[in-house]
Amino acid sequence: MFAPAATPRAITRQVNAQVNRVLQQPDVRDQFLKIGMVPIGGTSEALAQYLEVEIARWAKVVRDANIQPVD
């Protein structure tokens, strides 16, 4: 999940905690798994780190393949 950058840290922590709690419920996990999604939850910091790695990885793929934007 994402929130606007200006969202107060206390709010994002509270929402994050509740989302993580809900994602641990077996019925919720089962529903995600049924549609091919793996609910993992985590922290805002872990998400930021994951995105940093993924953006770098896919930027390299785009550069190496010389993929250009389409107008």
PDB file of N, CA and C in Angstrom:
ATOM      1  N   MET A   1       0.849  -1.176   0.000  1.00  0.00           N
ATOM      2  CA  MET A   1       0.000   0.000   0.000  1.00  0.00           C
ATOM      3  C   MET A   1       0.885   1.225   0.000  1.00  0.00           C
ATOM      4  N   PHE A   2       0.363   2.290  -0.554  1.00  0.00           N
ATOM      5  CA  PHE A   2       1.080   3.551  -0.611  1.00  0.00           C
ATOM      6  C   PHE A   2       0.192   4.654  -0.055  1.00  0.00           C
ATOM      7  N   ALA A   3       0.830   5.706   0.426  1.00  0.00           N
ATOM      8  CA  ALA A   3       0.123   6.876   0.934  1.00  0.00           C
ATOM      9  C   ALA A   3       0.856   8.111   0.415  1.00  0.00           C
ATOM     10  N   PRO A   4       0.193   9.253   0.379  1.00  0.00           N
ATOM     11  CA  PRO A   4       0.879  10.468  -0.034  1.00  0.00           C
ATOM     12  C   PRO A   4       2.108  10.738   0.838  1.00  0.00           C
ATOM     13  N   ALA A   5       3.122  11.323   0.253  1.00  0.00           N
ATOM     14  CA  ALA A   5       4.386  11.569   0.964  1.00  0.00           C
ATOM     15  C   ALA A   5       4.190  12.405   2.226  1.00  0.00           C
ATOM     16  N   ALA A   6       3.219  13.269   2.236  1.00  0.00           N
ATOM     17  CA  ALA A   6       3.011  14.160   3.386  1.00  0.00           C
ATOM     18  C   ALA A   6       2.200  13.515   4.510  1.00  0.00           C
ATOM     19  N   THR A   7       1.833  12.244   4.364  1.00  0.00           N
ATOM     20  CA  THR A   7       1.056  11.576   5.409  1.00  0.00           C
ATOM     21  C   THR A   7       1.895  11.485   6.681  1.00  0.00           C
ATOM     22  N   PRO A   8       1.348  11.923   7.818  1.00  0.00           N
ATOM     23  CA  PRO A   8       2.102  11.859   9.072  1.00  0.00           C
ATOM     24  C   PRO A   8       2.563  10.433   9.383  1.00  0.00           C
ATOM     25  N   ARG A   9       3.787  10.323   9.868  1.00  0.00           N
ATOM     26  CA  ARG A   9       4.392   9.018  10.168  1.00  0.00           C
ATOM     27  C   ARG A   9       3.534   8.210  11.141  1.00  0.00           C
ATOM     28  N   ALA A  10       2.929   8.859  12.104  1.00  0.00           N
ATOM     29  CA  ALA A  10       2.072   8.146  13.068  1.00  0.00           C
ATOM     30  C   ALA A  10       0.908   7.461  12.354  1.00  0.00           C
ATOM     31  N   ILE A  11       0.362   8.104  11.359  1.00  0.00           N
ATOM     32  CA  ILE A  11      -0.758   7.535  10.606  1.00  0.00           C
ATOM     33  C   ILE A  11      -0.281   6.338   9.782  1.00  0.00           C
ATOM     34  N   THR A  12       0.850   6.493   9.075  1.00  0.00           N
ATOM     35  CA  THR A  12       1.331   5.376   8.253  1.00  0.00           C
ATOM     36  C   THR A  12       1.707   4.177   9.124  1.00  0.00           C
ATOM     37  N   ARG A  13       2.248   4.423  10.294  1.00  0.00           N
ATOM     38  CA  ARG A  13       2.581   3.311  11.202  1.00  0.00           C
ATOM     39  C   ARG A  13       1.323   2.593  11.667  1.00  0.00           C
ATOM     40  N   GLN A  14       0.298   3.365  11.992  1.00  0.00           N
ATOM     41  CA  GLN A  14      -0.949   2.769  12.464  1.00  0.00           C
ATOM     42  C   GLN A  14      -1.614   1.946  11.352  1.00  0.00           C
ATOM     43  N   VAL A  15      -1.684   2.506  10.158  1.00  0.00           N
ATOM     44  CA  VAL A  15      -2.280   1.785   9.033  1.00  0.00           C
ATOM     45  C   VAL A  15      -1.461   0.534   8.734  1.00  0.00           C
ATOM     46  N   ASN A  16      -0.133   0.670   8.716  1.00  0.00           N
ATOM     47  CA  ASN A  16       0.749  -0.465   8.453  1.00  0.00           C
ATOM     48  C   ASN A  16       0.519  -1.587   9.458  1.00  0.00           C
ATOM     49  N   ALA A  17       0.421  -1.253  10.715  1.00  0.00           N
ATOM     50  CA  ALA A  17       0.206  -2.267  11.756  1.00  0.00           C
ATOM     51  C   ALA A  17      -1.113  -2.997  11.544  1.00  0.00           C
ATOM     52  N   GLN A  18      -2.161  -2.258  11.193  1.00  0.00           N
ATOM     53  CA  GLN A  18      -3.471  -2.877  10.985  1.00  0.00           C
ATOM     54  C   GLN A  18      -3.484  -3.749   9.733  1.00  0.00           C
ATOM     55  N   VAL A  19      -2.848  -3.279   8.669  1.00  0.00           N
ATOM     56  CA  VAL A  19      -2.780  -4.074   7.442  1.00  0.00           C
ATOM     57  C   VAL A  19      -2.015  -5.367   7.704  1.00  0.00           C
ATOM     58  N   ASN A  20      -0.889  -5.278   8.394  1.00  0.00           N
ATOM     59  CA  ASN A  20      -0.124  -6.484   8.722  1.00  0.00           C
ATOM     60  C   ASN A  20      -0.946  -7.459   9.558  1.00  0.00           C
ATOM     61  N   ARG A  21      -1.719  -6.921  10.487  1.00  0.00           N
ATOM     62  CA  ARG A  21      -2.579  -7.772  11.322  1.00  0.00           C
ATOM     63  C   ARG A  21      -3.615  -8.485  10.469  1.00  0.00           C
ATOM     64  N   VAL A  22      -4.261  -7.756   9.570  1.00  0.00           N
ATOM     65  CA  VAL A  22      -5.294  -8.337   8.710  1.00  0.00           C
ATOM     66  C   VAL A  22      -4.695  -9.384   7.767  1.00  0.00           C
ATOM     67  N   LEU A  23      -3.502  -9.109   7.246  1.00  0.00           N
ATOM     68  CA  LEU A  23      -2.872 -10.048   6.314  1.00  0.00           C
ATOM     69  C   LEU A  23      -2.508 -11.381   6.966  1.00  0.00           C
ATOM     70  N   GLN A  24      -2.479 -11.429   8.283  1.00  0.00           N
ATOM     71  CA  GLN A  24      -2.183 -12.679   8.987  1.00  0.00           C
ATOM     72  C   GLN A  24      -3.425 -13.548   9.191  1.00  0.00           C
ATOM     73  N   GLN A  25      -4.590 -13.008   8.921  1.00  0.00           N
ATOM     74  CA  GLN A  25      -5.819 -13.777   9.105  1.00  0.00           C
ATOM     75  C   GLN A  25      -5.934 -14.824   7.997  1.00  0.00           C
ATOM     76  N   PRO A  26      -6.160 -16.085   8.374  1.00  0.00           N
ATOM     77  CA  PRO A  26      -6.186 -17.165   7.377  1.00  0.00           C
ATOM     78  C   PRO A  26      -7.163 -16.938   6.223  1.00  0.00           C
ATOM     79  N   ASP A  27      -8.355 -16.433   6.512  1.00  0.00           N
ATOM     80  CA  ASP A  27      -9.326 -16.237   5.434  1.00  0.00           C
ATOM     81  C   ASP A  27      -8.862 -15.150   4.462  1.00  0.00           C
ATOM     82  N   VAL A  28      -8.234 -14.117   4.965  1.00  0.00           N
ATOM     83  CA  VAL A  28      -7.714 -13.049   4.105  1.00  0.00           C
ATOM     84  C   VAL A  28      -6.560 -13.594   3.259  1.00  0.00           C
ATOM     85  N   ARG A  29      -5.641 -14.305   3.901  1.00  0.00           N
ATOM     86  CA  ARG A  29      -4.509 -14.908   3.175  1.00  0.00           C
ATOM     87  C   ARG A  29      -5.022 -15.833   2.065  1.00  0.00           C
ATOM     88  N   ASP A  30      -6.026 -16.647   2.382  1.00  0.00           N
ATOM     89  CA  ASP A  30      -6.571 -17.574   1.392  1.00  0.00           C
ATOM     90  C   ASP A  30      -7.158 -16.842   0.191  1.00  0.00           C
ATOM     91  N   GLN A  31      -7.847 -15.751   0.445  1.00  0.00           N
ATOM     92  CA  GLN A  31      -8.442 -14.987  -0.657  1.00  0.00           C
ATOM     93  C   GLN A  31      -7.357 -14.398  -1.565  1.00  0.00           C
ATOM     94  N   PHE A  32      -6.299 -13.873  -0.977  1.00  0.00           N
ATOM     95  CA  PHE A  32      -5.199 -13.353  -1.782  1.00  0.00           C
ATOM     96  C   PHE A  32      -4.563 -14.477  -2.593  1.00  0.00           C
ATOM     97  N   LEU A  33      -4.304 -15.602  -1.954  1.00  0.00           N
ATOM     98  CA  LEU A  33      -3.665 -16.728  -2.634  1.00  0.00           C
ATOM     99  C   LEU A  33      -4.521 -17.245  -3.779  1.00  0.00           C
ATOM    100  N   LYS A  34      -5.842 -17.236  -3.614  1.00  0.00           N
ATOM    101  CA  LYS A  34      -6.751 -17.706  -4.669  1.00  0.00           C
ATOM    102  C   LYS A  34      -6.623 -16.874  -5.940  1.00  0.00           C
ATOM    103  N   ILE A  35      -6.273 -15.609  -5.806  1.00  0.00           N
ATOM    104  CA  ILE A  35      -6.156 -14.754  -6.993  1.00  0.00           C
ATOM    105  C   ILE A  35      -4.694 -14.578  -7.415  1.00  0.00           C
ATOM    106  N   GLY A  36      -3.830 -15.407  -6.851  1.00  0.00           N
ATOM    107  CA  GLY A  36      -2.441 -15.404  -7.281  1.00  0.00           C
ATOM    108  C   GLY A  36      -1.551 -14.382  -6.613  1.00  0.00           C
ATOM    109  N   MET A  37      -1.989 -13.813  -5.527  1.00  0.00           N
ATOM    110  CA  MET A  37      -1.186 -12.838  -4.799  1.00  0.00           C
ATOM    111  C   MET A  37      -0.694 -13.456  -3.502  1.00  0.00           C
ATOM    112  N   VAL A  38       0.545 -13.132  -3.132  1.00  0.00           N
ATOM    113  CA  VAL A  38       1.116 -13.638  -1.885  1.00  0.00           C
ATOM    114  C   VAL A  38       1.208 -12.473  -0.907  1.00  0.00           C
ATOM    115  N   PRO A  39       0.358 -12.472   0.120  1.00  0.00           N
ATOM    116  CA  PRO A  39       0.378 -11.379   1.091  1.00  0.00           C
ATOM    117  C   PRO A  39       1.568 -11.523   2.035  1.00  0.00           C
ATOM    118  N   ILE A  40       2.460 -10.525   2.026  1.00  0.00           N
ATOM    119  CA  ILE A  40       3.632 -10.632   2.891  1.00  0.00           C
ATOM    120  C   ILE A  40       3.670  -9.569   3.984  1.00  0.00           C
ATOM    121  N   GLY A  41       3.067  -8.426   3.751  1.00  0.00           N
ATOM    122  CA  GLY A  41       3.122  -7.365   4.756  1.00  0.00           C
ATOM    123  C   GLY A  41       4.542  -6.889   4.966  1.00  0.00           C
ATOM    124  N   GLY A  42       4.790  -6.241   6.070  1.00  0.00           N
ATOM    125  CA  GLY A  42       6.124  -5.742   6.378  1.00  0.00           C
ATOM    126  C   GLY A  42       6.091  -4.293   6.809  1.00  0.00           C
ATOM    127  N   THR A  43       7.252  -3.664   6.723  1.00  0.00           N
ATOM    128  CA  THR A  43       7.378  -2.274   7.162  1.00  0.00           C
ATOM    129  C   THR A  43       7.504  -1.340   5.970  1.00  0.00           C
ATOM    130  N   SER A  44       7.302  -0.068   6.226  1.00  0.00           N
ATOM    131  CA  SER A  44       7.496   0.953   5.189  1.00  0.00           C
ATOM    132  C   SER A  44       8.941   0.951   4.717  1.00  0.00           C
ATOM    133  N   GLU A  45       9.846   0.764   5.657  1.00  0.00           N
ATOM    134  CA  GLU A  45      11.272   0.758   5.316  1.00  0.00           C
ATOM    135  C   GLU A  45      11.625  -0.424   4.413  1.00  0.00           C
ATOM    136  N   ALA A  46      11.051  -1.585   4.704  1.00  0.00           N
ATOM    137  CA  ALA A  46      11.302  -2.769   3.879  1.00  0.00           C
ATOM    138  C   ALA A  46      10.754  -2.571   2.462  1.00  0.00           C
ATOM    139  N   LEU A  47       9.588  -1.953   2.353  1.00  0.00           N
ATOM    140  CA  LEU A  47       9.019  -1.664   1.042  1.00  0.00           C
ATOM    141  C   LEU A  47       9.908  -0.694   0.272  1.00  0.00           C
ATOM    142  N   ALA A  48      10.385   0.342   0.930  1.00  0.00           N
ATOM    143  CA  ALA A  48      11.257   1.323   0.272  1.00  0.00           C
ATOM    144  C   ALA A  48      12.529   0.651  -0.239  1.00  0.00           C
ATOM    145  N   GLN A  49      13.095  -0.226   0.566  1.00  0.00           N
ATOM    146  CA  GLN A  49      14.312  -0.946   0.163  1.00  0.00           C
ATOM    147  C   GLN A  49      14.027  -1.870  -1.026  1.00  0.00           C
ATOM    148  N   TYR A  50      12.926  -2.583  -0.985  1.00  0.00           N
ATOM    149  CA  TYR A  50      12.534  -3.465  -2.078  1.00  0.00           C
ATOM    150  C   TYR A  50      12.356  -2.672  -3.368  1.00  0.00           C
ATOM    151  N   LEU A  51      11.652  -1.544  -3.286  1.00  0.00           N
ATOM    152  CA  LEU A  51      11.416  -0.724  -4.474  1.00  0.00           C
ATOM    153  C   LEU A  51      12.717  -0.176  -5.043  1.00  0.00           C
ATOM    154  N   GLU A  52      13.634   0.209  -4.188  1.00  0.00           N
ATOM    155  CA  GLU A  52      14.931   0.717  -4.646  1.00  0.00           C
ATOM    156  C   GLU A  52      15.657  -0.347  -5.478  1.00  0.00           C
ATOM    157  N   VAL A  53      15.663  -1.564  -4.984  1.00  0.00           N
ATOM    158  CA  VAL A  53      16.326  -2.666  -5.694  1.00  0.00           C
ATOM    159  C   VAL A  53      15.611  -2.969  -7.010  1.00  0.00           C
ATOM    160  N   GLU A  54      14.291  -3.046  -6.974  1.00  0.00           N
ATOM    161  CA  GLU A  54      13.526  -3.369  -8.176  1.00  0.00           C
ATOM    162  C   GLU A  54      13.631  -2.284  -9.242  1.00  0.00           C
ATOM    163  N   ILE A  55      13.594  -1.031  -8.837  1.00  0.00           N
ATOM    164  CA  ILE A  55      13.720   0.061  -9.808  1.00  0.00           C
ATOM    165  C   ILE A  55      15.079   0.000 -10.488  1.00  0.00           C
ATOM    166  N   ALA A  56      16.134  -0.230  -9.721  1.00  0.00           N
ATOM    167  CA  ALA A  56      17.472  -0.343 -10.304  1.00  0.00           C
ATOM    168  C   ALA A  56      17.544  -1.538 -11.251  1.00  0.00           C
ATOM    169  N   ARG A  57      16.980  -2.654 -10.857  1.00  0.00           N
ATOM    170  CA  ARG A  57      17.003  -3.869 -11.688  1.00  0.00           C
ATOM    171  C   ARG A  57      16.306  -3.639 -13.022  1.00  0.00           C
ATOM    172  N   TRP A  58      15.093  -3.098 -12.976  1.00  0.00           N
ATOM    173  CA  TRP A  58      14.322  -2.927 -14.203  1.00  0.00           C
ATOM    174  C   TRP A  58      14.827  -1.765 -15.041  1.00  0.00           C
ATOM    175  N   ALA A  59      15.414  -0.767 -14.425  1.00  0.00           N
ATOM    176  CA  ALA A  59      16.033   0.316 -15.198  1.00  0.00           C
ATOM    177  C   ALA A  59      17.175  -0.240 -16.032  1.00  0.00           C
ATOM    178  N   LYS A  60      17.954  -1.156 -15.475  1.00  0.00           N
ATOM    179  CA  LYS A  60      19.047  -1.786 -16.212  1.00  0.00           C
ATOM    180  C   LYS A  60      18.509  -2.601 -17.380  1.00  0.00           C
ATOM    181  N   VAL A  61      17.435  -3.339 -17.153  1.00  0.00           N
ATOM    182  CA  VAL A  61      16.826  -4.131 -18.232  1.00  0.00           C
ATOM    183  C   VAL A  61      16.391  -3.205 -19.363  1.00  0.00           C
ATOM    184  N   VAL A  62      15.760  -2.113 -19.025  1.00  0.00           N
ATOM    185  CA  VAL A  62      15.283  -1.160 -20.035  1.00  0.00           C
ATOM    186  C   VAL A  62      16.467  -0.568 -20.803  1.00  0.00           C
ATOM    187  N   ARG A  63      17.502  -0.160 -20.078  1.00  0.00           N
ATOM    188  CA  ARG A  63      18.694   0.402 -20.747  1.00  0.00           C
ATOM    189  C   ARG A  63      19.371  -0.629 -21.637  1.00  0.00           C
ATOM    190  N   ASP A  64      19.603  -1.824 -21.112  1.00  0.00           N
ATOM    191  CA  ASP A  64      20.289  -2.877 -21.868  1.00  0.00           C
ATOM    192  C   ASP A  64      19.515  -3.290 -23.118  1.00  0.00           C
ATOM    193  N   ALA A  65      18.209  -3.263 -23.044  1.00  0.00           N
ATOM    194  CA  ALA A  65      17.372  -3.643 -24.185  1.00  0.00           C
ATOM    195  C   ALA A  65      17.085  -2.451 -25.090  1.00  0.00           C
ATOM    196  N   ASN A  66      17.589  -1.294 -24.704  1.00  0.00           N
ATOM    197  CA  ASN A  66      17.364  -0.054 -25.471  1.00  0.00           C
ATOM    198  C   ASN A  66      15.881   0.204 -25.708  1.00  0.00           C
ATOM    199  N   ILE A  67      15.093  -0.024 -24.701  1.00  0.00           N
ATOM    200  CA  ILE A  67      13.659   0.209 -24.787  1.00  0.00           C
ATOM    201  C   ILE A  67      13.407   1.716 -24.712  1.00  0.00           C
ATOM    202  N   GLN A  68      12.635   2.197 -25.659  1.00  0.00           N
ATOM    203  CA  GLN A  68      12.322   3.626 -25.747  1.00  0.00           C
ATOM    204  C   GLN A  68      10.850   3.857 -25.447  1.00  0.00           C
ATOM    205  N   PRO A  69      10.522   5.001 -24.872  1.00  0.00           N
ATOM    206  CA  PRO A  69       9.112   5.306 -24.606  1.00  0.00           C
ATOM    207  C   PRO A  69       8.320   5.436 -25.919  1.00  0.00           C
ATOM    208  N   VAL A  70       7.075   5.113 -25.860  1.00  0.00           N
ATOM    209  CA  VAL A  70       6.180   5.249 -27.010  1.00  0.00           C
ATOM    210  C   VAL A  70       5.369   6.519 -26.828  1.00  0.00           C
ATOM    211  N   ASP A  71       5.301   7.317 -27.876  1.00  0.00           N
ATOM    212  CA  ASP A  71       4.537   8.577 -27.788  1.00  0.00           C
ATOM    213  C   ASP A  71       3.063   8.346 -27.846  1.00  0.00           C
TER     214      ASP A  71
END
